[in-house]
Protein backbone atom coordinates (compact mmCIF):
# COMPACT_ATOMS: atom_id res chain seq x y z
CA UNK A 1 0.01 -0.06 -0.21
CA UNK A 2 2.90 2.59 1.05
CA UNK A 3 4.78 1.43 -1.95
CA UNK A 4 1.85 2.24 -4.21
CA UNK A 5 1.38 5.52 -2.48
CA UNK A 6 5.26 6.67 -2.92
CA UNK A 7 5.15 5.31 -6.56
CA UNK A 8 4.10 8.91 -7.79
CA UNK A 9 5.72 12.28 -7.02
CA UNK A 10 2.74 13.72 -5.36
CA UNK A 11 2.46 10.67 -2.99
CA UNK A 12 6.22 10.91 -2.10
CA UNK A 13 5.53 14.78 -1.35
CA UNK A 14 2.45 13.88 1.08
CA UNK A 15 4.51 11.21 2.82
CA UNK A 16 7.72 13.53 3.10
CA UNK A 17 5.32 16.26 4.80
CA UNK A 18 4.01 13.71 7.36
CA UNK A 19 7.46 12.54 8.08
CA UNK A 20 8.84 16.12 8.70
CA UNK A 21 5.93 17.43 10.59
CA UNK A 22 6.12 14.52 13.19
CA UNK A 23 9.42 15.82 14.09
CA UNK A 24 8.12 18.60 16.28
CA UNK A 25 6.90 16.23 18.87
CA UNK A 26 10.66 15.26 19.64
CA UNK A 27 11.13 18.47 20.95
CA UNK A 28 9.98 20.39 24.06
CA UNK A 29 7.14 20.49 25.46
CA UNK A 30 6.35 16.87 23.94
CA UNK A 31 9.92 15.45 24.32
CA UNK A 32 8.94 12.41 22.40
CA UNK A 33 12.73 12.07 21.11
CA UNK A 34 12.06 8.70 19.50
CA UNK A 35 9.97 9.99 16.64
CA UNK A 36 13.13 11.35 14.99
CA UNK A 37 14.09 7.77 14.06
CA UNK A 38 10.98 6.90 12.15
CA UNK A 39 11.10 10.38 10.58
CA UNK A 40 14.63 10.10 9.08
CA UNK A 41 14.54 6.29 8.31
CA UNK A 42 11.32 6.94 6.48
CA UNK A 43 12.90 10.15 4.58
CA UNK A 44 16.02 7.95 3.70
CA UNK A 45 14.00 5.30 2.04
CA UNK A 46 11.76 7.67 0.19
CA UNK A 47 14.89 9.58 -1.08
CA UNK A 48 16.13 6.17 -2.30
CA UNK A 49 12.95 5.42 -4.07
CA UNK A 50 12.85 9.26 -5.38
CA UNK A 51 16.31 8.81 -6.74
CA UNK A 52 15.33 5.73 -8.57
CA UNK A 53 11.89 7.01 -10.18
CA UNK A 54 12.20 10.74 -10.25
CA UNK A 55 14.44 13.66 -10.80
CA UNK A 56 12.73 15.63 -7.92
CA UNK A 57 14.91 14.89 -5.08
CA UNK A 58 15.33 18.28 -3.86
CA UNK A 59 11.74 18.93 -3.88
CA UNK A 60 11.13 15.82 -1.72
CA UNK A 61 13.83 16.97 0.56
CA UNK A 62 12.41 20.56 0.54
CA UNK A 63 8.93 19.60 1.38
CA UNK A 64 10.14 17.18 4.40
CA UNK A 65 12.09 19.94 5.91
CA UNK A 66 9.79 22.70 5.39
CA UNK A 67 7.12 20.88 7.17
CA UNK A 68 9.31 20.24 10.07
CA UNK A 69 10.34 24.06 10.47
CA UNK A 70 6.71 25.17 9.90
CA UNK A 71 5.58 22.38 12.47
CA UNK A 72 8.24 23.39 15.00
CA UNK A 73 8.53 27.13 14.74
CA UNK A 74 4.81 28.03 14.08
CA UNK A 75 4.84 29.78 17.52
CA UNK A 76 6.70 32.86 16.14
CA UNK A 77 3.23 33.67 14.55
CA UNK A 78 2.07 34.89 17.96
CA UNK A 79 4.42 37.80 18.04
CA UNK A 80 3.31 38.96 14.85
CA UNK A 81 -0.52 38.57 15.72
CA UNK A 82 -0.46 39.98 19.19
CA UNK A 83 2.26 42.77 18.72
CA UNK A 84 3.08 43.19 15.08
CA UNK A 85 -0.29 44.84 13.83
CA UNK A 86 -0.10 42.62 10.47
CA UNK A 87 -2.96 40.77 8.75
CA UNK A 88 -3.42 36.95 9.40
CA UNK A 89 -2.59 36.14 5.87
CA UNK A 90 0.66 38.48 5.73
CA UNK A 91 1.73 37.00 9.20
CA UNK A 92 1.38 33.36 7.90
CA UNK A 93 3.01 34.00 4.58
CA UNK A 94 6.15 35.57 6.51
CA UNK A 95 6.19 32.23 8.63
CA UNK A 96 6.31 30.14 5.68
CA UNK A 97 8.90 32.17 4.00
CA UNK A 98 11.11 32.04 7.15
CA UNK A 99 10.46 28.27 7.24
CA UNK A 100 11.32 27.70 3.53
CA UNK A 101 14.56 29.68 4.02
CA UNK A 102 15.69 27.58 6.84
CA UNK A 103 14.82 24.34 5.05
CA UNK A 104 16.99 25.16 2.13
CA UNK A 105 19.97 24.16 4.11
CA UNK A 106 19.09 20.62 5.26
CA UNK A 107 17.41 20.01 2.05
CA UNK A 108 20.65 20.86 0.22
CA UNK A 109 22.40 18.31 2.26
CA UNK A 110 19.94 15.42 1.49
CA UNK A 111 19.84 16.43 -2.13
CA UNK A 112 23.56 16.47 -2.36
CA UNK A 113 23.83 13.10 -0.44
CA UNK A 114 21.77 11.37 -3.03
CA UNK A 115 23.27 13.18 -6.12
CA UNK A 116 26.69 11.92 -5.18
CA UNK A 117 27.13 8.85 -7.45
CA UNK A 118 27.64 5.84 -5.28
CA UNK A 119 26.25 2.26 -5.45
CA UNK A 120 27.04 1.81 -1.78
CA UNK A 121 24.08 2.58 0.75
CA UNK A 122 26.92 2.20 3.47
CA UNK A 123 28.96 5.05 2.19
CA UNK A 124 25.86 7.35 1.40
CA UNK A 125 24.18 6.69 4.88
CA UNK A 126 27.08 6.73 7.34
CA UNK A 127 29.60 8.80 5.53
CA UNK A 128 27.96 11.39 3.25
CA UNK A 129 24.75 12.28 4.91
CA UNK A 130 25.72 12.71 8.48
CA UNK A 131 28.73 14.93 7.20
CA UNK A 132 26.85 17.08 4.98
CA UNK A 133 23.85 17.20 7.44
CA UNK A 134 26.39 18.82 10.00
CA UNK A 135 27.83 21.02 7.48
CA UNK A 136 24.69 22.59 6.42
CA UNK A 137 23.61 22.99 10.31
CA UNK A 138 26.54 24.91 10.70
CA UNK A 139 25.83 27.22 7.73
CA UNK A 140 22.40 27.67 8.86
CA UNK A 141 23.64 28.79 12.44
CA UNK A 142 26.03 31.18 10.88
CA UNK A 143 24.60 32.67 7.52
CA UNK A 144 22.84 36.18 7.80
CA UNK A 145 23.78 36.08 11.58
CA UNK A 146 22.23 32.66 11.79
CA UNK A 147 19.28 30.76 13.31
CA UNK A 148 20.40 27.73 15.08
CA UNK A 149 17.15 26.34 16.35
CA UNK A 150 15.74 22.97 16.44
CA UNK A 151 19.05 21.24 16.16
CA UNK A 152 18.34 17.48 16.37
CA UNK A 153 20.59 17.00 19.36
CA UNK A 154 18.48 19.23 21.99
CA UNK A 155 15.66 16.34 21.67
CA UNK A 156 17.93 13.93 23.35
CA UNK A 157 18.98 15.58 26.64
CA UNK A 158 17.36 12.79 28.64
CA UNK A 159 18.64 9.74 26.68
CA UNK A 160 22.07 7.90 26.87
CA UNK A 161 23.19 10.22 23.73
CA UNK A 162 23.56 13.40 26.04
CA UNK A 163 26.76 11.98 27.13
CA UNK A 164 28.12 13.17 23.90
CA UNK A 165 27.31 16.92 24.72
CA UNK A 166 30.32 17.71 27.10
CA UNK A 167 32.61 15.99 24.55
CA UNK A 168 31.35 17.35 21.18
CA UNK A 169 28.44 19.90 21.91
CA UNK A 170 24.87 19.44 20.94
CA UNK A 171 25.86 18.61 17.39
CA UNK A 172 27.88 15.70 18.47
CA UNK A 173 24.43 14.53 19.88
CA UNK A 174 23.00 15.49 16.14
CA UNK A 175 25.74 13.32 14.73
CA UNK A 176 24.83 10.26 16.87
CA UNK A 177 21.29 10.68 15.86
CA UNK A 178 21.64 10.67 12.19
CA UNK A 179 24.20 7.96 12.27
CA UNK A 180 21.61 5.58 14.09
CA UNK A 181 19.03 6.39 11.81
CA UNK A 182 21.48 5.38 8.93
CA UNK A 183 21.87 2.05 10.79
CA UNK A 184 18.40 1.35 10.94
CA UNK A 185 17.77 1.89 7.34
CA UNK A 186 20.56 -0.28 6.48
CA UNK A 187 18.95 -2.93 8.73
CA UNK A 188 15.67 -2.29 6.89
CA UNK A 189 17.59 -2.78 3.57
CA UNK A 190 19.12 -5.94 4.96
CA UNK A 191 22.54 -4.57 4.05
CA UNK A 192 25.63 -4.66 6.45
CA UNK A 193 23.42 -5.55 9.27
CA UNK A 194 25.91 -7.15 11.44
CA UNK A 195 27.98 -4.04 11.18
CA UNK A 196 24.93 -1.58 11.69
CA UNK A 197 24.14 -3.37 14.88
CA UNK A 198 27.38 -2.99 16.63
CA UNK A 199 27.77 0.58 15.40
CA UNK A 200 24.34 1.54 16.93
CA UNK A 201 25.24 -0.29 20.08
CA UNK A 202 28.64 1.16 20.35
CA UNK A 203 27.07 4.62 20.06
CA UNK A 204 24.49 4.12 22.76
CA UNK A 205 26.97 2.51 25.24
CA UNK A 206 29.66 5.20 24.56
CA UNK A 207 26.84 7.80 25.30
CA UNK A 208 25.76 6.15 28.57
CA UNK A 209 29.41 5.82 29.62
CA UNK A 210 30.38 9.40 28.94
CA UNK A 211 27.12 10.49 30.79
CA UNK A 212 28.37 9.13 34.01
CA UNK A 213 31.34 11.29 33.86
CA UNK A 214 32.03 14.72 35.65
CA UNK A 215 34.33 17.24 33.88
CA UNK A 216 33.94 20.18 36.73
CA UNK A 217 34.49 20.61 40.25
CA UNK A 218 31.70 21.84 42.54
CA UNK A 219 32.40 24.82 44.74
CA UNK A 220 30.82 26.26 47.82
CA UNK A 221 27.42 27.18 47.38
CA UNK A 222 25.78 30.69 46.93
CA UNK A 223 22.03 31.73 47.46
CA UNK A 224 20.10 32.93 44.53
CA UNK A 225 16.71 34.10 43.89
CA UNK A 226 15.26 34.36 40.37
CA UNK A 227 12.34 36.79 40.31
CA UNK A 228 9.64 36.17 37.55
CA UNK A 229 7.54 39.56 37.59
CA UNK A 230 4.91 38.34 34.94
CA UNK A 231 4.48 41.91 33.54
CA UNK A 232 1.98 42.09 30.91
CA UNK A 233 4.09 42.58 27.50
CA UNK A 234 1.28 44.96 26.33
CA UNK A 235 1.94 47.28 29.29
CA UNK A 236 5.65 46.39 29.57
CA UNK A 237 6.96 49.43 27.62
CA UNK A 238 4.14 51.95 28.74
CA UNK A 239 5.72 54.79 30.60
CA UNK A 240 2.89 54.98 33.16
CA UNK A 241 3.71 51.18 33.93
CA UNK A 242 7.33 51.34 34.63
CA UNK A 243 7.22 52.36 38.25
CA UNK A 244 4.38 49.88 39.05
CA UNK A 245 6.59 47.18 37.33
CA UNK A 246 9.54 48.25 39.43
CA UNK A 247 7.69 48.03 42.59
CA UNK A 248 6.39 44.64 42.07
CA UNK A 249 10.02 43.31 41.39
CA UNK A 250 11.19 45.08 44.37
CA UNK A 251 8.29 43.52 46.53
CA UNK A 252 8.89 40.19 45.12
CA UNK A 253 12.56 40.65 46.02
CA UNK A 254 11.96 41.58 49.32
CA UNK A 255 13.99 44.67 49.10
CA UNK A 256 11.33 46.99 50.44
CA UNK A 257 9.47 45.51 53.72
CA UNK A 258 6.48 47.52 53.32
CA UNK A 259 5.75 45.98 49.84
CA UNK A 260 3.99 42.40 49.89
CA UNK A 261 2.57 40.22 47.02
CA UNK A 262 -0.13 38.28 48.20
CA UNK A 263 -0.50 36.04 45.03
CA UNK A 264 3.24 35.51 44.47
CA UNK A 265 4.49 31.75 44.69
CA UNK A 266 7.72 31.10 46.36
CA UNK A 267 9.92 28.00 46.26
CA UNK A 268 12.69 28.14 48.78
CA UNK A 269 15.19 26.29 50.45
CA UNK A 270 15.13 28.09 53.72
CA UNK A 271 13.42 31.53 54.73
CA UNK A 272 16.41 33.41 54.67
CA UNK A 273 16.94 36.27 52.04
CA UNK A 274 19.20 35.11 49.04
CA UNK A 275 22.42 36.82 48.49
CA UNK A 276 21.97 37.25 44.51
CA UNK A 277 18.65 38.61 43.30
CA UNK A 278 18.20 37.83 39.46
CA UNK A 279 15.61 40.01 37.38
CA UNK A 280 14.73 39.15 33.85
CA UNK A 281 15.75 40.71 30.54
CA UNK A 282 14.75 44.38 30.37
CA UNK A 283 12.94 44.12 33.86
CA UNK A 284 13.60 47.77 34.11
CA UNK A 285 11.86 48.89 30.92
CA UNK A 286 13.74 52.24 30.70
CA UNK A 287 16.88 53.66 29.65
CA UNK A 288 19.71 53.09 32.12
CA UNK A 289 20.84 56.72 31.93
CA UNK A 290 17.25 58.18 32.95
CA UNK A 291 17.25 55.85 35.75
CA UNK A 292 20.52 56.88 37.67
CA UNK A 293 18.82 58.41 40.84
CA UNK A 294 16.96 55.24 41.26
CA UNK A 295 19.66 52.85 40.40
CA UNK A 296 22.23 54.66 42.54
CA UNK A 297 19.99 54.53 45.59
CA UNK A 298 19.03 50.79 45.00
CA UNK A 299 22.66 49.85 44.71
CA UNK A 300 23.41 51.36 48.09
CA UNK A 301 20.42 49.65 49.75
CA UNK A 302 21.78 46.31 48.29
CA UNK A 303 25.19 46.94 49.48
CA UNK A 304 23.99 47.61 52.98
CA UNK A 305 22.48 44.17 53.22
CA UNK A 306 25.20 42.23 51.29
CA UNK A 307 23.21 41.58 48.41
CA UNK A 308 23.42 42.00 44.60
CA UNK A 309 21.05 42.39 41.85
CA UNK A 310 21.52 41.36 38.26
CA UNK A 311 19.05 42.81 35.97
CA UNK A 312 18.17 43.41 32.27
CA UNK A 313 18.05 47.08 31.25
CA UNK A 314 18.60 49.29 28.20
CA UNK A 315 21.84 50.90 28.00
CA UNK A 316 22.14 54.35 25.88
CA UNK A 317 25.31 55.95 24.85
CA UNK A 318 24.36 59.44 24.54
CA UNK A 319 27.74 60.04 22.91
CA UNK A 320 27.26 57.91 20.23
CA UNK A 321 23.47 57.62 20.12
CA UNK A 322 23.45 53.80 20.31
CA UNK A 323 21.39 51.55 22.36
CA UNK A 324 22.35 47.97 23.76
CA UNK A 325 20.29 45.36 25.27
CA UNK A 326 22.25 44.95 28.71
CA UNK A 327 22.57 43.30 32.06
CA UNK A 328 23.96 45.51 34.88
CA UNK A 329 24.79 44.72 38.44
CA UNK A 330 23.94 46.56 41.61
CA UNK A 331 24.85 46.25 45.30
CA UNK A 332 27.56 44.00 46.62
CA UNK A 333 30.30 44.48 43.74
CA UNK A 334 34.05 43.61 43.77
CA UNK A 335 36.20 46.35 45.37
CA UNK A 336 36.60 49.56 43.42
CA UNK A 337 33.77 48.61 40.99
CA UNK A 338 30.68 50.27 42.53
CA UNK A 339 27.71 50.66 40.39
CA UNK A 340 28.00 53.44 37.68
CA UNK A 341 27.16 53.91 34.12
CA UNK A 342 30.46 52.70 33.16
CA UNK A 343 31.14 50.15 35.75
CA UNK A 344 32.56 47.01 34.15
CA UNK A 345 30.34 44.52 35.88
CA UNK A 346 27.98 44.50 32.96
CA UNK A 347 27.10 42.71 29.86
CA UNK A 348 25.86 43.98 26.28
CA UNK A 349 24.11 41.53 24.19
CA UNK A 350 25.98 40.44 21.28
CA UNK A 351 23.87 38.03 19.09
CA UNK A 352 20.76 40.38 18.26
CA UNK A 353 17.31 38.97 17.13
CA UNK A 354 16.51 39.90 13.63
CA UNK A 355 13.13 42.01 13.40
CA UNK A 356 13.12 42.23 17.31
CA UNK A 357 16.33 44.01 18.02
CA UNK A 358 17.66 45.09 14.60
CA UNK A 359 15.70 45.23 11.23
CA UNK A 360 17.91 43.93 8.22
CA UNK A 361 17.11 45.97 5.09
CA UNK A 362 15.38 48.44 7.56
CA UNK A 363 14.88 51.23 4.97
CA UNK A 364 12.61 48.71 2.92
CA UNK A 365 10.98 46.80 5.81
CA UNK A 366 10.01 49.42 8.40
CA UNK A 367 7.60 51.09 6.39
CA UNK A 368 5.67 48.05 5.34
CA UNK A 369 4.27 47.08 8.85
CA UNK A 370 3.98 47.95 12.42
CA UNK A 371 5.70 44.59 13.05
CA UNK A 372 9.04 45.87 11.86
CA UNK A 373 8.98 48.64 14.43
CA UNK A 374 8.76 46.83 17.50
CA UNK A 375 9.76 48.68 20.80
CA UNK A 376 13.83 48.92 20.91
CA UNK A 377 14.35 47.46 17.63
CA UNK A 378 17.45 49.45 16.75
CA UNK A 379 20.18 47.85 19.22
CA UNK A 380 23.87 47.75 18.44
CA UNK A 381 26.02 44.48 19.16
CA UNK A 382 28.11 44.23 22.38
CA UNK A 383 31.44 42.73 21.98
CA UNK A 384 31.68 38.89 20.84
CA UNK A 385 34.12 38.26 23.89
CA UNK A 386 33.22 40.19 27.11
CA UNK A 387 34.41 39.75 30.68
CA UNK A 388 32.28 37.41 33.06
CA UNK A 389 30.12 39.02 35.64
CA UNK A 390 31.59 38.92 39.04
CA UNK A 391 29.71 37.99 42.37
CA UNK A 392 31.22 36.83 45.51
CA UNK A 393 33.88 34.24 44.89
CA UNK A 394 32.74 33.20 41.29
CA UNK A 395 31.88 34.54 37.97
CA UNK A 396 28.80 34.24 35.71
CA UNK A 397 28.97 33.98 31.84
CA UNK A 398 25.93 35.56 30.60
CA UNK A 399 23.77 35.32 27.42
CA UNK A 400 20.53 37.36 26.80
CA UNK A 401 17.46 35.57 25.35
CA UNK A 402 17.94 34.33 21.87
CA UNK A 403 21.62 34.29 22.02
CA UNK A 404 21.76 31.21 24.34
CA UNK A 405 20.89 29.14 21.24
CA UNK A 406 24.64 30.04 20.00
CA UNK A 407 26.73 27.61 21.87
CA UNK A 408 30.16 28.69 20.40
CA UNK A 409 29.25 32.18 21.56
CA UNK A 410 28.85 31.29 25.04
CA UNK A 411 31.69 28.58 24.91
CA UNK A 412 34.21 31.38 24.11
CA UNK A 413 33.28 33.60 26.91
CA UNK A 414 33.97 30.77 29.63
CA UNK A 415 37.05 30.34 31.43
CA UNK A 416 38.34 27.74 34.14
CA UNK A 417 36.87 29.99 37.08
CA UNK A 418 33.50 30.52 35.41
CA UNK A 419 31.17 29.03 37.82
CA UNK A 420 27.76 29.57 36.49
CA UNK A 421 25.71 30.28 33.29
CA UNK A 422 23.36 32.95 33.29
CA UNK A 423 20.69 33.82 30.77
CA UNK A 424 17.97 36.53 31.11
CA UNK A 425 15.02 36.17 28.76
CA UNK A 426 11.52 37.49 28.04
CA UNK A 427 9.17 34.99 25.98
CA UNK A 428 6.21 36.88 26.75
CA UNK A 429 6.39 37.80 22.98
CA UNK A 430 5.08 34.10 22.37
CA UNK A 431 2.36 33.70 24.80
CA UNK A 432 1.44 30.24 25.78
CA UNK A 433 2.97 28.71 22.83
CA UNK A 434 5.44 25.85 22.64
CA UNK A 435 8.26 28.42 21.86
CA UNK A 436 9.24 29.10 25.38
CA UNK A 437 9.56 25.22 26.11
CA UNK A 438 11.70 24.85 23.32
CA UNK A 439 13.87 27.90 24.41
CA UNK A 440 14.39 26.42 27.85
CA UNK A 441 15.47 23.11 26.18
CA UNK A 442 18.16 24.98 24.24
CA UNK A 443 19.25 26.78 27.33
CA UNK A 444 19.58 23.34 29.33
CA UNK A 445 21.70 21.88 26.82
CA UNK A 446 24.29 24.71 27.52
CA UNK A 447 24.63 23.68 30.96
CA UNK A 448 25.12 19.99 29.86
CA UNK A 449 27.70 20.84 27.39
CA UNK A 450 29.79 23.06 29.51
CA UNK A 451 29.35 21.32 33.07
CA UNK A 452 28.07 24.22 34.82
CA UNK A 453 24.90 25.17 36.64
CA UNK A 454 22.46 27.25 34.63
CA UNK A 455 20.39 30.22 35.95
CA UNK A 456 17.37 31.29 33.79
CA UNK A 457 15.16 34.14 34.87
CA UNK A 458 12.27 35.17 32.48
CA UNK A 459 9.55 37.67 32.73
CA UNK A 460 6.61 35.29 32.61
CA UNK A 461 8.24 31.91 32.51
CA UNK A 462 9.83 29.54 32.10
CA UNK A 463 12.00 30.43 34.88
CA UNK A 464 14.28 27.45 35.87
CA UNK A 465 17.89 26.15 37.41
CA UNK A 466 19.56 23.31 36.08
CA UNK A 467 22.70 21.79 37.47
CA UNK A 468 25.89 20.95 35.43
CA UNK A 469 24.57 17.59 34.45
CA UNK A 470 21.57 19.09 32.95
CA UNK A 471 19.22 17.91 35.83
CA UNK A 472 16.46 20.37 37.07
CA UNK A 473 17.02 21.89 40.29
CA UNK A 474 13.74 24.03 40.27
CA UNK A 475 11.43 25.98 38.11
CA UNK A 476 8.27 28.23 38.44
CA UNK A 477 5.02 27.83 36.52
CA UNK A 478 4.42 29.98 33.69
CA UNK A 479 2.30 33.08 34.01
CA UNK A 480 2.48 33.76 37.54
CA UNK A 481 4.60 36.33 39.76
CA UNK A 482 7.08 34.15 41.59
CA UNK A 483 10.49 33.93 43.18
CA UNK A 484 12.70 30.74 42.85
CA UNK A 485 15.26 30.63 45.82
CA UNK A 486 17.98 28.11 45.75
CA UNK A 487 21.42 27.27 47.08
CA UNK A 488 23.65 26.56 43.93
CA UNK A 489 27.11 25.35 43.69
CA UNK A 490 29.14 26.96 41.13
CA UNK A 491 31.47 24.47 38.92
CA UNK A 492 35.12 25.25 37.86
CA UNK A 493 37.04 23.40 35.27
CA UNK A 494 36.79 22.52 31.48
CA UNK A 495 34.67 19.95 29.62
CA UNK A 496 36.41 18.73 26.60
CA UNK A 497 33.75 20.69 24.38
CA UNK A 498 34.82 23.74 26.18
CA UNK A 499 38.56 23.08 25.42
CA UNK A 500 38.13 22.40 21.63
CA UNK A 501 34.56 23.27 20.71
CA UNK A 502 33.46 21.49 17.45
CA UNK A 503 36.82 20.95 15.97
CA UNK A 504 36.60 17.16 16.25
CA UNK A 505 33.43 17.30 14.17
CA UNK A 506 34.98 19.46 11.58
CA UNK A 507 37.82 16.68 11.38
CA UNK A 508 34.90 13.74 11.23
CA UNK A 509 33.11 15.66 8.21
CA UNK A 510 36.55 16.18 6.50
CA UNK A 511 37.86 12.55 7.01
CA UNK A 512 34.15 11.07 6.25
CA UNK A 513 33.82 13.21 2.97
CA UNK A 514 37.28 12.09 1.79
CA UNK A 515 36.65 8.46 2.77
CA UNK A 516 33.84 8.55 0.98
CA UNK A 517 35.17 9.98 -2.17
CA UNK A 518 38.05 7.21 -1.96
CA UNK A 519 35.48 4.63 -1.81
CA UNK A 520 33.50 5.56 -4.65
CA UNK A 521 36.66 5.79 -6.80
CA UNK A 522 37.54 2.40 -5.46
CA UNK A 523 34.46 0.97 -4.13
CA UNK A 524 34.62 -1.88 -1.58
CA UNK A 525 32.61 -5.12 -1.47
CA UNK A 526 30.57 -5.27 1.54
CA UNK A 527 28.68 -8.55 2.68
CA UNK A 528 25.36 -7.99 3.39
């Protein structure tokens, strides 16, 4: 029956669309990682058939990947619908165009893999496809500032394959997934079955063994409090709502004793006040230069109480007329680093979100629709390498919102004495869609890769803490005003991934493609 359906191009496109769509269930919040295997085995077999009967390999590959991205990234529509002021049809069209652009990269990988002339399925499935898939993933994560969302490896944080993350990063898990799918395909084709079984077993057992290892050493604990203000996104940037929002954060933080929040939820290890308070991205929805009187006063009060506060705010350089999405620290600071507009204990976002924080081709796009004129959509980039934030005896490597999806950016800002990973975000733009859950899943992988606890503070969820093995220490429900209090042990040291990055994967791709070329020129006979 299935063979009959896929005998025509239209049937192949329908099956490809279904195979691509089900991949969304591999990622958060569904986390059914196993669906990737029937999805990819199915497309490998389908492309083999398309290769034999049709000249439309790219079209089948493109429909497979387009459906995957539409199913996985459709939540971007929420921000367009609620805050963009665009017609439904226009918003839907933009989502399809974005997904079509992203689909070009993996589609090119599959198309090239099946266009390279070789009669050996072993060579194609185990050498060519994994290498080209990784290469095109890298290009997707770099080209035009990059969009490295939905890497396959993110889906496997709770499986034995997560053991590859501290060694090779998330893309090491992606490689393992693609190779296992290739082995399963060989089993169905009844080719090199013994080798395929042994290779799958070796990958799974290696991942499991590596997952038992720890590459960093825990330090003495510090107390932290992640404050989730749950500020209405439609009111957040209204001038009249600035101080009510700040008062809410102060009350939740316990900074002012006369401010209470009867409906807040507090999760704590004890009743003592934390030492490090963390507010989310742009919690203070104003320019830092305009808030100096308040910030100086607050910093002094925190210092008296031996506490510090990390908060998101907009830094404005009046001399250069430039805006930066920033994190500043107030209160108990290192000696001679008291708070000021030029104090070093701060971070400026480097990897900006297209449209949300900068508008490419803005002279063309800004006049088209309100969506291209969202609040604060003309930021400048901070440096790619910035000093860690310092608190007590440890330091924190920061990432603001979207840039937590760029593993190499964070890796290059971590040194041996970096104790914690910090990410501030505001996913209120995307409502109760699946987007925030995917964002948290991505952030969690950074903790596993780098062997350090991750603190994630957000406006309305999902606020959470993970340890250096990726185990959840605590989280807050979405869409509530709440405080998450914990004692966290920083971790020092290096994971192999932190030392060498993705260099081993580049070497694998080079050697695999070179081996494939040599085997194609001088094919080896492999017993079935």
